[in-house]
Structures are given as structure tokens and as C-alpha cells.
Protein backbone atom coordinates (compact mmCIF):
# COMPACT_ATOMS: atom_id res chain seq x y z
CA MET A 1 142.60 29.71 137.77
CA SER A 2 140.10 26.89 137.94
CA LYS A 3 138.05 28.53 140.67
CA LYS A 4 137.91 31.70 138.42
CA ASN A 5 136.80 29.69 135.54
CA ASP A 6 134.17 27.81 137.41
CA THR A 7 132.98 31.13 138.87
CA ALA A 8 132.74 32.44 135.37
CA VAL A 9 130.92 29.58 133.81
CA THR A 10 128.32 29.78 136.90
CA ILE A 11 127.55 33.47 136.16
CA ILE A 12 127.34 32.71 132.37
CA SER A 13 124.78 29.83 133.12
CA LEU A 14 122.82 32.12 135.39
CA ALA A 15 122.57 34.94 132.96
CA ILE A 16 121.47 32.43 130.13
CA SER A 17 118.77 30.92 132.55
CA LEU A 18 117.74 34.58 133.66
CA ALA A 19 117.57 35.60 130.03
CA ILE A 20 115.47 32.41 129.11
CA ILE A 21 112.96 33.04 132.23
CA GLY A 22 112.52 36.51 130.95
CA GLY A 23 111.87 35.71 127.50
CA LEU A 24 109.18 33.18 128.53
CA GLY A 25 107.50 35.68 130.89
CA TRP A 26 107.54 38.15 127.76
CA TRP A 27 105.92 35.61 125.48
CA LEU A 28 103.26 34.55 127.99
CA THR A 29 102.24 38.03 128.77
CA ARG A 30 102.13 38.73 125.09
CA LYS A 31 100.05 35.63 124.26
CA ASN A 32 97.54 36.52 127.00
CA ASN A 33 97.40 39.96 125.58
CA LEU A 34 96.39 38.41 122.32
CA PHE A 35 93.54 36.52 123.84
CA GLY A 36 92.21 39.58 125.50
CA LEU A 37 93.40 38.66 129.18
CA LEU A 38 95.17 40.98 131.55
CA PRO A 39 98.21 39.30 133.36
CA SER A 40 95.90 39.07 136.72
CA GLN A 41 92.97 37.63 135.09
CA SER A 42 91.84 34.36 134.25
CA PRO A 43 89.25 33.38 131.31
CA SER A 44 86.51 33.19 133.65
CA GLN A 45 87.14 36.61 135.10
CA THR A 46 87.47 38.05 131.69
CA SER A 47 83.83 36.57 130.95
CA ASN A 48 82.49 38.39 133.88
CA THR A 49 84.44 41.59 133.04
CA ALA A 50 82.91 41.75 129.40
CA THR A 51 79.53 41.04 130.86
CA ASN A 52 79.81 44.05 132.92
CA GLN A 53 80.94 46.25 130.08
CA THR A 54 78.25 45.23 127.83
CA SER A 55 75.56 46.54 130.43
CA PRO A 56 75.64 50.02 129.90
CA SER A 57 74.38 51.33 133.40
CA SER A 58 75.36 48.66 135.76
CA SER A 59 72.37 49.95 137.71
CA ASN A 60 72.28 47.31 140.43
CA ALA A 61 75.78 48.28 141.90
CA ALA A 62 75.20 52.14 141.06
CA SER A 63 71.70 52.21 142.55
CA GLN A 64 72.19 50.16 145.69
CA SER A 65 75.69 50.35 146.85
CA GLY A 66 76.34 53.89 145.38
CA PRO A 67 75.74 56.91 147.50
CA GLN A 68 72.39 58.10 147.99
CA VAL A 69 71.19 61.34 146.28
CA ALA A 70 68.78 63.55 148.22
CA THR A 71 66.13 64.76 145.70
CA PHE A 72 65.01 63.57 142.27
CA SER A 73 66.84 66.70 140.47
CA GLN A 74 70.06 65.25 141.42
CA VAL A 75 69.45 61.99 139.72
CA ASP A 76 71.48 61.59 136.55
CA GLY A 77 70.62 60.05 133.07
CA VAL A 78 66.96 60.35 132.99
CA PRO A 79 65.85 59.74 129.54
CA GLN A 80 63.16 61.46 127.55
CA GLY A 81 60.37 59.87 125.80
CA LEU A 82 57.02 58.05 126.70
CA PHE A 83 57.58 54.72 128.63
CA ASN A 84 54.88 52.34 129.26
CA TYR A 85 55.41 50.28 132.59
CA GLY A 86 52.97 48.08 134.38
CA GLY A 87 52.64 44.98 136.82
CA SER A 88 51.97 44.60 140.58
CA THR A 89 48.71 46.11 142.03
CA THR A 90 50.41 46.22 145.31
CA TRP A 91 52.71 49.07 143.97
CA ALA A 92 49.30 51.22 143.02
CA PRO A 93 49.67 53.51 146.23
CA ILE A 94 53.46 53.97 145.26
CA ARG A 95 52.50 54.99 141.78
CA ASP A 96 49.81 57.36 143.13
CA VAL A 97 52.59 59.21 145.37
CA VAL A 98 55.78 59.19 143.18
CA ASP A 99 54.86 59.28 139.71
CA PRO A 100 53.40 62.84 140.08
CA GLN A 101 56.31 63.94 141.95
CA ILE A 102 58.69 62.60 138.94
CA GLN A 103 56.67 64.28 136.51
CA THR A 104 57.18 67.52 138.10
CA VAL A 105 60.98 67.46 138.02
CA TYR A 106 61.06 65.54 134.60
CA PRO A 107 58.23 66.24 132.41
CA GLU A 108 59.99 64.93 129.27
CA PHE A 109 60.21 61.50 131.29
CA ARG A 110 56.66 60.42 130.76
CA LEU A 111 55.45 57.61 132.61
CA ARG A 112 52.33 55.59 131.52
CA TYR A 113 51.01 52.44 133.70
CA THR A 114 49.84 50.23 131.04
CA GLN A 115 47.30 47.23 131.67
CA HIS A 116 47.15 44.23 129.35
CA PRO A 117 44.04 44.48 127.31
CA THR A 118 42.59 40.80 128.44
CA GLN A 119 44.77 39.70 131.22
CA PRO A 120 44.21 40.85 135.01
CA PRO A 121 46.89 43.23 136.27
CA GLY A 122 49.59 41.70 138.48
CA SER A 123 53.19 41.05 138.81
CA GLY A 124 53.08 38.24 136.52
CA THR A 125 51.11 39.86 133.80
CA GLY A 126 53.76 42.57 133.97
CA ILE A 127 56.61 40.42 133.72
CA ARG A 128 55.20 38.57 130.64
CA MET A 129 54.38 41.95 128.86
CA LEU A 130 57.88 43.03 129.56
CA ILE A 131 59.42 40.08 128.10
CA ASP A 132 56.93 40.30 125.09
CA GLY A 133 58.37 43.94 124.36
CA GLU A 134 54.60 45.70 125.73
CA LEU A 135 56.61 47.49 128.47
CA ALA A 136 59.83 49.38 129.11
CA PHE A 137 60.31 48.22 132.93
CA SER A 138 57.80 46.25 135.24
CA GLN A 139 56.78 46.48 138.91
CA SER A 140 56.73 43.29 140.96
CA SER A 141 55.84 42.12 144.47
CA ARG A 142 57.76 38.84 144.07
CA PRO A 143 61.03 37.69 142.62
CA ILE A 144 61.35 36.62 138.99
CA GLN A 145 60.86 33.25 138.39
CA ASP A 146 63.47 30.62 136.43
CA ALA A 147 61.21 30.15 133.55
CA GLU A 148 60.94 34.03 133.13
CA TYR A 149 64.70 34.53 133.37
CA GLN A 150 64.59 31.67 130.73
CA GLN A 151 62.11 33.18 128.34
CA ALA A 152 64.01 36.71 128.48
CA GLU A 153 67.27 34.90 127.42
CA GLN A 154 65.32 33.07 124.59
CA ARG A 155 64.47 36.65 123.25
CA GLY A 156 68.27 37.85 123.53
CA PHE A 157 68.13 39.88 126.79
CA GLN A 158 68.31 39.43 130.56
CA LEU A 159 65.98 40.48 133.39
CA GLU A 160 67.24 42.01 136.78
CA GLN A 161 65.23 42.72 139.70
CA ILE A 162 66.17 45.34 141.97
CA PRO A 163 64.68 45.97 145.27
CA VAL A 164 63.06 49.26 146.25
CA ALA A 165 60.91 48.88 149.14
CA LEU A 166 59.76 46.32 151.96
CA ASP A 167 56.34 45.24 152.60
CA GLY A 168 54.31 42.72 155.07
CA ILE A 169 51.51 40.26 154.12
CA ALA A 170 48.55 41.02 156.59
CA VAL A 171 45.88 38.57 157.28
CA ALA A 172 42.36 40.26 157.41
CA VAL A 173 39.39 38.88 159.31
CA ASN A 174 35.82 40.11 160.25
CA HIS A 175 35.82 42.42 163.41
CA ASP A 176 33.35 39.94 165.17
CA LEU A 177 35.71 37.15 164.95
CA GLN A 178 37.41 37.45 168.38
CA ILE A 179 40.82 35.53 168.22
CA PRO A 180 44.19 37.20 169.40
CA GLY A 181 45.88 36.00 166.38
CA LEU A 182 47.28 33.21 164.34
CA THR A 183 50.66 31.49 163.96
CA VAL A 184 52.18 31.16 160.48
CA ALA A 185 51.56 27.53 160.53
CA GLN A 186 47.69 27.87 161.54
CA VAL A 187 47.24 30.31 158.26
CA ARG A 188 48.93 27.63 156.26
CA ASP A 189 46.69 25.06 157.67
CA ILE A 190 43.68 27.12 156.95
CA PHE A 191 44.40 27.81 153.38
CA THR A 192 45.38 24.43 152.41
CA GLY A 193 42.10 23.08 153.96
CA ASP A 194 43.61 21.12 156.92
CA ILE A 195 42.08 23.75 159.54
CA THR A 196 38.25 24.36 158.51
CA ASN A 197 36.36 26.03 161.80
CA TRP A 198 37.51 28.74 163.75
CA GLN A 199 37.00 26.84 166.94
CA GLU A 200 40.24 24.82 166.07
CA VAL A 201 42.32 27.74 166.69
CA GLY A 202 40.50 29.21 169.68
CA GLY A 203 37.43 30.92 168.02
CA ILE A 204 33.87 30.37 167.99
CA ASP A 205 32.37 27.66 166.05
CA GLN A 206 32.14 29.08 162.68
CA PRO A 207 33.21 27.40 159.31
CA ILE A 208 36.25 29.27 157.86
CA GLN A 209 35.76 30.65 154.26
CA PRO A 210 39.25 31.55 152.89
CA TYR A 211 39.61 34.07 150.04
CA SER A 212 42.20 34.57 147.79
CA ARG A 213 43.30 36.30 144.47
CA SER A 214 44.32 34.08 141.46
CA PRO A 215 47.80 32.77 141.84
CA GLU A 216 48.20 32.80 137.99
CA ASP A 217 48.60 36.93 138.00
CA SER A 218 49.29 38.02 141.59
CA GLY A 219 52.75 38.43 142.92
CA THR A 220 51.38 38.46 146.44
CA VAL A 221 49.68 35.21 145.84
CA LYS A 222 52.78 33.74 144.39
CA PHE A 223 54.76 34.89 147.43
CA PHE A 224 52.05 33.33 149.75
CA LEU A 225 52.04 29.99 148.06
CA GLU A 226 55.76 29.57 148.07
CA ASN A 227 56.53 31.33 151.51
CA VAL A 228 53.55 30.51 153.83
CA LEU A 229 52.10 27.31 152.18
CA GLN A 230 55.54 26.21 151.37
CA GLY A 231 54.45 24.96 147.91
CA GLU A 232 51.23 23.30 148.95
CA SER A 233 48.27 24.00 146.98
CA PHE A 234 45.10 25.96 148.15
CA GLY A 235 42.40 23.90 149.65
CA SER A 236 39.38 23.10 147.83
CA ASN A 237 37.29 25.58 150.13
CA VAL A 238 39.21 28.62 148.95
CA GLU A 239 37.30 30.96 147.01
CA PHE A 240 39.02 33.02 144.30
CA ILE A 241 38.02 36.88 143.89
CA SER A 242 39.43 39.03 141.28
CA THR A 243 40.48 42.31 143.63
CA THR A 244 41.54 43.00 146.89
CA THR A 245 38.70 45.28 147.07
CA GLU A 246 36.07 42.80 146.46
CA ALA A 247 37.74 40.41 149.06
CA LEU A 248 37.88 42.93 151.78
CA ARG A 249 34.13 43.65 151.11
CA ALA A 250 33.29 40.13 151.33
CA VAL A 251 35.20 39.64 154.75
CA SER A 252 33.57 42.50 156.09
CA ASN A 253 30.12 40.65 155.50
CA ASN A 254 31.14 37.14 156.57
CA VAL A 255 32.03 36.44 160.07
CA GLY A 256 34.13 33.14 159.24
CA SER A 257 36.05 34.69 156.25
CA ILE A 258 39.83 35.38 155.93
CA TYR A 259 42.02 37.05 153.43
CA PHE A 260 45.66 37.95 153.11
CA ALA A 261 47.14 40.75 151.13
CA SER A 262 49.73 43.43 151.16
CA ALA A 263 49.77 45.22 154.55
CA PRO A 264 49.08 48.80 153.39
CA GLU A 265 46.12 47.65 151.72
CA VAL A 266 44.63 45.95 154.54
CA VAL A 267 45.79 47.49 157.66
CA PRO A 268 44.26 50.98 157.27
CA GLN A 269 40.91 49.81 156.41
CA CYS A 270 38.01 50.21 158.73
CA SER A 271 35.81 47.35 157.66
CA VAL A 272 38.18 44.55 158.69
CA ARG A 273 40.52 43.68 161.29
CA SER A 274 44.34 42.82 160.78
CA LEU A 275 45.39 39.74 162.76
CA PRO A 276 48.72 39.72 164.74
CA LEU A 277 50.92 36.88 163.62
CA ALA A 278 53.57 34.63 165.18
CA ARG A 279 56.30 32.16 164.43
CA PRO A 280 56.51 28.98 166.46
CA GLN A 281 56.95 29.48 170.18
CA GLN A 282 56.91 33.23 169.58
CA GLU A 283 54.66 36.08 170.59
CA PHE A 284 52.02 37.54 168.34
CA VAL A 285 53.24 40.83 166.40
CA PRO A 286 50.57 42.95 164.98
CA PRO A 287 51.26 44.44 161.37
CA TYR A 288 49.76 47.78 162.98
CA VAL A 289 51.07 50.16 165.66
CA GLU A 290 49.53 49.47 168.95
CA PRO A 291 47.19 50.04 170.32
CA ALA A 292 44.85 49.25 167.39
CA VAL A 293 42.39 51.99 166.38
CA SER A 294 38.90 51.07 167.45
CA PRO A 295 36.37 50.82 164.41
CA ALA A 296 34.38 53.65 166.05
CA ASN A 297 37.24 55.95 165.54
CA CYS A 298 37.84 54.94 161.95
CA PRO A 299 38.00 56.62 159.35
CA GLN A 300 38.97 59.93 161.34
CA GLU A 301 41.96 57.90 162.90
CA ARG A 302 43.76 54.58 161.09
CA ASN A 303 45.97 51.84 162.00
CA GLN A 304 49.46 52.81 160.90
CA LEU A 305 52.14 50.20 159.56
CA ASN A 306 54.20 48.54 162.04
CA ASP A 307 57.32 49.78 160.06
CA ALA A 308 59.84 48.87 162.89
CA ALA A 309 58.49 45.03 162.99
CA PHE A 310 58.78 44.98 159.24
CA GLN A 311 62.41 46.37 159.12
CA ASP A 312 63.84 44.03 161.82
CA GLY A 313 62.08 40.77 160.67
CA SER A 314 60.03 40.45 163.95
CA TYR A 315 56.80 40.27 162.03
CA PRO A 316 56.79 36.94 160.31
CA ILE A 317 55.69 37.50 156.81
CA THR A 318 57.55 40.33 154.90
CA ARG A 319 59.00 40.69 151.57
CA ARG A 320 60.75 43.11 149.14
CA LEU A 321 59.18 44.96 146.20
CA PHE A 322 61.08 45.08 143.04
CA VAL A 323 61.65 47.01 139.73
CA ILE A 324 62.33 44.83 137.04
CA VAL A 325 64.67 46.18 134.34
CA LYS A 326 65.10 44.77 131.10
CA ARG A 327 68.83 44.48 130.27
CA ASN A 328 68.93 45.20 126.46
CA GLY A 329 71.39 47.94 126.15
CA GLN A 330 68.32 50.12 124.70
CA VAL A 331 66.33 53.06 126.05
CA ASP A 332 64.16 50.69 127.94
CA GLU A 333 66.92 49.86 130.06
CA ARG A 334 67.96 53.36 130.54
CA ALA A 335 64.22 54.23 131.70
CA GLY A 336 64.24 51.61 134.27
CA ASP A 337 67.60 52.33 135.70
CA ALA A 338 66.43 55.90 136.13
CA TYR A 339 63.13 54.75 137.73
CA VAL A 340 65.22 52.80 140.09
CA ARG A 341 67.58 55.59 141.01
CA LEU A 342 64.85 58.02 141.62
CA LEU A 343 62.95 55.57 144.00
CA LEU A 344 66.22 54.93 145.94
CA SER A 345 66.96 58.65 146.48
CA GLU A 346 65.90 60.14 149.48
CA GLN A 347 63.12 61.70 148.16
CA GLY A 348 61.56 58.54 146.54
CA GLN A 349 62.01 56.65 149.64
CA GLN A 350 60.15 59.31 151.53
CA ALA A 351 57.63 59.00 148.94
CA ILE A 352 57.58 55.14 149.36
CA GLN A 353 57.09 55.67 153.01
CA LYS A 354 54.23 58.27 152.66
CA ALA A 355 52.54 55.64 150.29
CA GLY A 356 52.21 53.24 153.28
CA PHE A 357 55.47 51.02 152.86
CA VAL A 358 58.75 50.72 154.50
CA ARG A 359 61.82 52.35 152.99
CA ILE A 360 64.58 50.06 152.02
CA ARG A 361 67.36 52.73 152.37
């Protein structure tokens, strides 16, 4: 009997313990639900979930990792209305090719490239205009800077950069300057003023005249300062010119001059020569497909971009081009998302390639 009583007591005690544990688990689950937590989530995970839910389109994940559609007509969620956009001058060839195709398929999705009334066009100007509410979305040839993220947050929204194409930076010199190429370190030293004569890099005894656009507004110049000059300032001998067209004209008239710009703006030009570049201890890689077209055969033939070198990273100075989307839950955000999805479609990537840039998908 004693053993039976002990067994009964043990069973009763176990049942009571299980009931207590079950009740405690029910209470904790109910408490979590009261605070909006799912059983498998921590408070930090809930914060991330809430952020995703307040972003209506989640375009970054949808547009970049989702399945690629073939044509513009298959892109969903294209809003109607007139949408101002602006920004990078590097993007001009893409705009010229892509926008007419978009308007043909979506005539009610009206796009208008808009410049600032007093500031020169460029990535920085476009992002400032986007933050100030003057644009629906912007185009940039450089990433968003921390200060720009903070300015947007102070206005009550966020900015997102979405890459849609690849580009390279090409270095242009005069046709009469006979050097095989430059290392990236030599390019840096030329534009910081440490190298001032072409004789120092195997060329003729000729003073070097570097040209650049202004760093305040040009995304290309910002990228160059950060990634080639590694944060150093331009040398005092650098002459600033407002547009790439004017700079290339100056290079063609001055044997000792040098300039850098987006590869599609430089490589096909007849009036200047694009230099092959090299990393330390590596061979020169041209930004054009070899063999180079002779100036005598241009413009009947033009140099073509070295897409393979840009894509595999063997060309030393490459970058991504971004659409900057305003995350505010309004129609501007939907317009930016739609523009991204159009550019990342197969038709959009083909148009980007036709414009002289390298497709990212």
C-alpha cells in the first residue's frame, strides 16, 4: 500500500507541475501577443517587421532579387501623373534611350527631367532637390552620403539607393601624348599635384594640366575623390571646367592635359584618347575593346566599351549607377519604384546597354 500511495502522490505532483508549466506558457504567449510580438520574435525583430510593413513597395527586394520581367508592358504598379526627376549628367545617354521607350508603353507615366534654376546639374544637386521635395526621384552616379541620409530623416522620410547599371571612369589625354597607360596610383598623384610633368611617367617633357568638373555637384568627381584620390584634395594645378564637353575640347587642344569622366562619355570620342589603366603590379586594361580605332577611321568607326572588363572587375575604376527613391509612402515613392522595375527589366537592361553602359542583370 505504501508503494501505491507513493506512486499516486508522484503522479499527482507531476500533473500539478505540468499544469503550472502549461499555464505559465499560456500567460507568456498571451502577454507577448498583447505587446504585438509573435512567439518566435524578439522586440528587435518586431521593429524590423514593422519597418517593412510601413514601406508599401519594398522595391529593393522586389526589384533586385525578384524574377526579371521581359518587357516594360509586364511591369506592374506604374502610376499615372507627371513626375519630375533629375540628377546625374552621366545618366544623360540612358535618359535619351530609356525615356521614349517608357512613354510609348506608359503614356500616362509622364517623366520630366528637371534641372535646378541656379545650381549646375549633377548627382549632388539631384539628391538635394529630392530632399527639398522638388523631385519625385533622382539619378546618381555615386552612393548617398551620410549627411544626405540625415537630412532626409530630419524631413520625416528615408532615401534608398538602388543600383541599375555599371559604369567605369575613363581617363582622357591628347592623341599626341604617347604613353601606354597609367597606374591608378599615378593618376592619383597627377590630380593631387605630386606628379606635374609627363616625363615622370614615361612621357615627353611636358607640364601636366589636369582638368576636372566641380566636386560640389558632380557625382563622378565625388566618386573620384573618394576612390581614386582616397580622400585627398585636388592639387592647386587642377583647372575646373563646368562640363565634360568643354573639358574634352580643352584636352584635344592641349598636349599636356588630362581629364576623367564616365567611360561612355569618353571612350567613343574621336578628339581624345582613352588611357589603359592598371592596378599595382598588374597589366594595363583599356576601357575600350581592342584593337583601338584609329582617329583616321573615326567617326565612321568608334571605340566600344570594354563591357567584359567592367563586369569582371579587371578594369581598375568601376562603379554602379543608382536610382534614388524617396521612402515616404506617397506617389513619389511609387514612381521611383516603378522606374527602377522598368530599368531592371530585360528591355530596360537592353536599353541601358544600348546607351553605352553595362547591364547589372
